[in-house]
Protein backbone atom coordinates (compact mmCIF):
# COMPACT_ATOMS: atom_id res chain seq x y z
CA MET A 1 7.95 -94.63 99.07
CA GLU A 2 7.98 -98.54 98.28
CA ASP A 3 4.56 -98.79 100.07
CA GLY A 4 3.22 -96.41 97.56
CA VAL A 5 4.04 -98.71 94.58
CA HIS A 6 1.07 -100.57 93.63
CA VAL A 7 2.13 -102.22 90.31
CA ARG A 8 5.42 -103.37 89.06
CA ILE A 9 6.00 -104.21 85.45
CA GLY A 10 9.25 -105.65 83.75
CA THR A 11 10.64 -107.20 80.59
CA LEU A 12 11.96 -110.63 80.05
CA SER A 13 13.68 -109.57 76.99
CA LYS A 14 16.95 -107.51 76.55
CA ALA A 15 19.05 -108.16 79.56
CA LEU A 16 17.23 -111.58 80.40
CA GLY A 17 17.74 -112.69 76.68
CA CYS A 18 13.75 -114.23 76.80
CA ALA A 19 10.82 -112.76 75.65
CA GLY A 20 7.53 -111.10 76.91
CA GLY A 21 7.18 -109.25 80.35
CA PHE A 22 5.21 -109.60 83.65
CA VAL A 23 3.09 -107.39 85.86
CA ALA A 24 3.21 -107.66 89.61
CA GLY A 25 0.69 -106.57 92.17
CA SER A 26 -2.25 -107.39 94.45
CA GLN A 27 -4.36 -110.33 93.67
CA SER A 28 -7.24 -107.83 92.79
CA LEU A 29 -5.07 -106.11 90.25
CA ILE A 30 -4.02 -109.35 88.64
CA GLN A 31 -7.65 -110.63 88.61
CA TRP A 32 -8.83 -107.28 87.04
CA LEU A 33 -6.17 -107.50 84.43
CA LEU A 34 -6.90 -111.17 83.58
CA ASN A 35 -10.29 -110.18 82.97
CA ARG A 36 -10.04 -106.76 81.42
CA ALA A 37 -6.61 -106.30 79.73
CA ARG A 38 -7.43 -106.67 76.02
CA PRO A 39 -3.54 -107.36 75.39
CA TYR A 40 -3.77 -110.00 77.54
CA ILE A 41 -6.81 -111.69 76.75
CA PHE A 42 -6.08 -111.83 73.01
CA SER A 43 -2.83 -113.12 73.38
CA THR A 44 -1.46 -116.51 73.50
CA ALA A 45 0.38 -117.99 76.45
CA SER A 46 4.34 -117.95 76.33
CA PRO A 47 5.70 -121.15 75.46
CA ALA A 48 7.01 -123.59 78.21
CA ALA A 49 10.67 -123.09 76.86
CA THR A 50 10.49 -119.37 77.30
CA ALA A 51 9.25 -119.72 80.70
CA ALA A 52 12.01 -122.19 81.37
CA ALA A 53 14.51 -119.75 80.01
CA ALA A 54 13.21 -116.77 82.22
CA LEU A 55 13.45 -118.88 85.19
CA ALA A 56 16.82 -120.03 84.35
CA SER A 57 17.99 -116.37 83.62
CA LEU A 58 16.41 -115.03 86.95
CA ALA A 59 18.58 -117.79 88.66
CA ILE A 60 21.63 -116.44 86.99
CA VAL A 61 20.88 -112.99 87.86
CA ARG A 62 20.49 -113.82 91.58
CA GLN A 63 23.15 -116.20 92.07
CA GLU A 64 25.97 -114.18 89.82
CA PRO A 65 25.26 -110.37 90.70
CA GLN A 66 28.83 -109.62 89.45
CA ARG A 67 27.77 -110.25 85.81
CA ALA A 68 25.57 -107.03 85.99
CA GLN A 69 28.06 -105.07 87.94
CA HIS A 70 30.83 -105.89 85.08
CA LEU A 71 28.42 -105.14 82.54
CA LEU A 72 27.46 -101.80 83.75
CA SER A 73 31.14 -101.13 84.36
CA ARG A 74 31.98 -101.77 80.89
CA ALA A 75 29.26 -99.82 79.68
CA GLN A 76 30.52 -96.86 81.62
CA GLU A 77 33.88 -97.23 80.37
CA LEU A 78 32.60 -97.67 76.50
CA ARG A 79 30.41 -94.29 76.99
CA GLY A 80 33.44 -92.48 78.37
CA GLU A 81 35.49 -93.54 75.47
CA LEU A 82 32.70 -92.54 72.78
CA ALA A 83 32.24 -89.24 74.58
CA ARG A 84 36.23 -88.69 74.51
CA ARG A 85 36.04 -89.37 70.83
CA GLY A 86 33.37 -86.90 70.21
CA TRP A 87 30.40 -89.08 69.54
CA ASN A 88 26.85 -87.72 71.22
CA ILE A 89 25.74 -90.33 73.56
CA GLY A 90 22.82 -88.85 75.14
CA ALA A 91 22.14 -89.31 78.70
CA SER A 92 22.36 -93.11 78.58
CA ALA A 93 23.50 -94.85 81.97
CA SER A 94 22.58 -98.36 80.95
CA GLN A 95 24.13 -101.07 78.85
CA ILE A 96 22.22 -99.57 75.91
CA ILE A 97 24.06 -96.68 74.53
CA PRO A 98 22.66 -94.66 71.90
CA LEU A 99 25.16 -92.98 69.24
CA ILE A 100 23.09 -89.97 68.25
CA VAL A 101 24.02 -89.11 64.76
CA GLY A 102 20.92 -87.04 63.89
CA ASP A 103 20.32 -87.89 60.20
CA SER A 104 18.60 -91.03 59.27
CA GLN A 105 20.56 -91.79 56.22
CA ARG A 106 23.79 -91.43 58.21
CA ALA A 107 22.70 -93.68 60.77
CA LEU A 108 21.69 -96.33 58.15
CA ARG A 109 25.15 -96.05 56.32
CA LEU A 110 27.09 -96.23 59.67
CA SER A 111 24.73 -99.59 60.71
CA ALA A 112 25.70 -100.98 57.25
CA GLU A 113 29.45 -100.35 57.64
CA LEU A 114 29.39 -101.76 61.06
CA GLN A 115 27.63 -104.55 59.69
CA ALA A 116 30.14 -104.96 57.05
CA CYS A 117 32.72 -105.45 59.98
CA GLY A 118 30.58 -108.02 61.44
CA ILE A 119 29.34 -105.93 64.17
CA PHE A 120 25.59 -105.51 64.53
CA VAL A 121 24.48 -102.09 66.03
CA PRO A 122 21.13 -101.22 64.50
CA ALA A 123 19.93 -97.78 63.15
CA ILE A 124 16.95 -96.40 65.01
CA ARG A 125 15.08 -93.82 63.06
CA PRO A 126 11.79 -91.82 63.02
CA PRO A 127 9.18 -92.67 64.17
CA THR A 128 10.86 -94.85 66.98
CA VAL A 129 12.82 -91.53 67.73
CA PRO A 130 12.01 -87.98 67.01
CA ASP A 131 13.01 -86.40 63.73
CA GLY A 132 16.52 -85.30 63.66
CA GLU A 133 17.42 -87.72 66.59
CA ALA A 134 18.29 -91.00 64.42
CA CYS A 135 20.80 -93.01 66.11
CA LEU A 136 22.79 -96.24 66.43
CA ARG A 137 21.69 -98.62 69.32
CA ILE A 138 24.75 -100.20 71.02
CA SER A 139 23.47 -102.99 73.22
CA LEU A 140 26.32 -104.55 75.30
CA THR A 141 25.96 -107.91 76.99
CA ALA A 142 28.08 -109.58 79.74
CA GLY A 143 29.49 -111.59 76.80
CA HIS A 144 31.14 -108.67 74.82
CA THR A 145 34.73 -109.00 75.34
CA GLU A 146 37.30 -106.06 75.30
CA GLU A 147 38.45 -107.28 71.94
CA MET A 148 35.00 -106.96 70.46
CA ILE A 149 34.51 -103.40 72.23
CA SER A 150 37.91 -102.34 70.70
CA ALA A 151 36.83 -103.53 67.14
CA LEU A 152 33.66 -101.51 67.44
CA LEU A 153 35.55 -98.44 68.44
CA ALA A 154 38.06 -99.18 65.39
CA ALA A 155 35.18 -99.40 63.15
CA LEU A 156 33.44 -96.17 64.32
CA SER A 157 36.78 -94.48 63.87
CA SER A 158 37.14 -95.83 60.41
CA SER A 159 33.80 -94.80 59.48
CA GLU A 160 34.06 -91.39 60.71
CA ARG A 161 37.43 -90.58 58.82
CA ALA A 162 35.60 -91.81 55.70
CA GLU A 163 32.69 -89.49 56.46
CA THR A 164 35.26 -86.51 56.92
CA GLY A 165 37.48 -87.57 54.29
CA GLY A 166 40.51 -87.77 56.95
């Protein structure tokens, strides 16, 4: 199947903590994109510092694969705990975990309550997601500690008790 893949694209943001992205492919594909891809033609080059940060991030990924394994393990544990507590987490399998709450106003309210606790979990609303599927986006990193995750779970429980009057 690998032989049938002619184009690879990726992001340098989120997991790598940089900006931008990349396209990898044959020399003829790259030449075509350089001359025909309007988003590329009409954009400015990435700053040298961004490129250097991307290279440094990729070096860490190669040299320390345990970071990614640890992050995915921690995300799996958090998804399990959220599901046990009755949260709808959808079909996430990555370190980005949606808490699907449905109503946009509820998502905004929960996000604001978490922010008041010092926890940044943004509300994602239509048109980014379909109507009725507003969610909170939890984005774990390798730097999040067990204490931070416990604080998130406690704040979510507190918010839920406040909503249900319990």
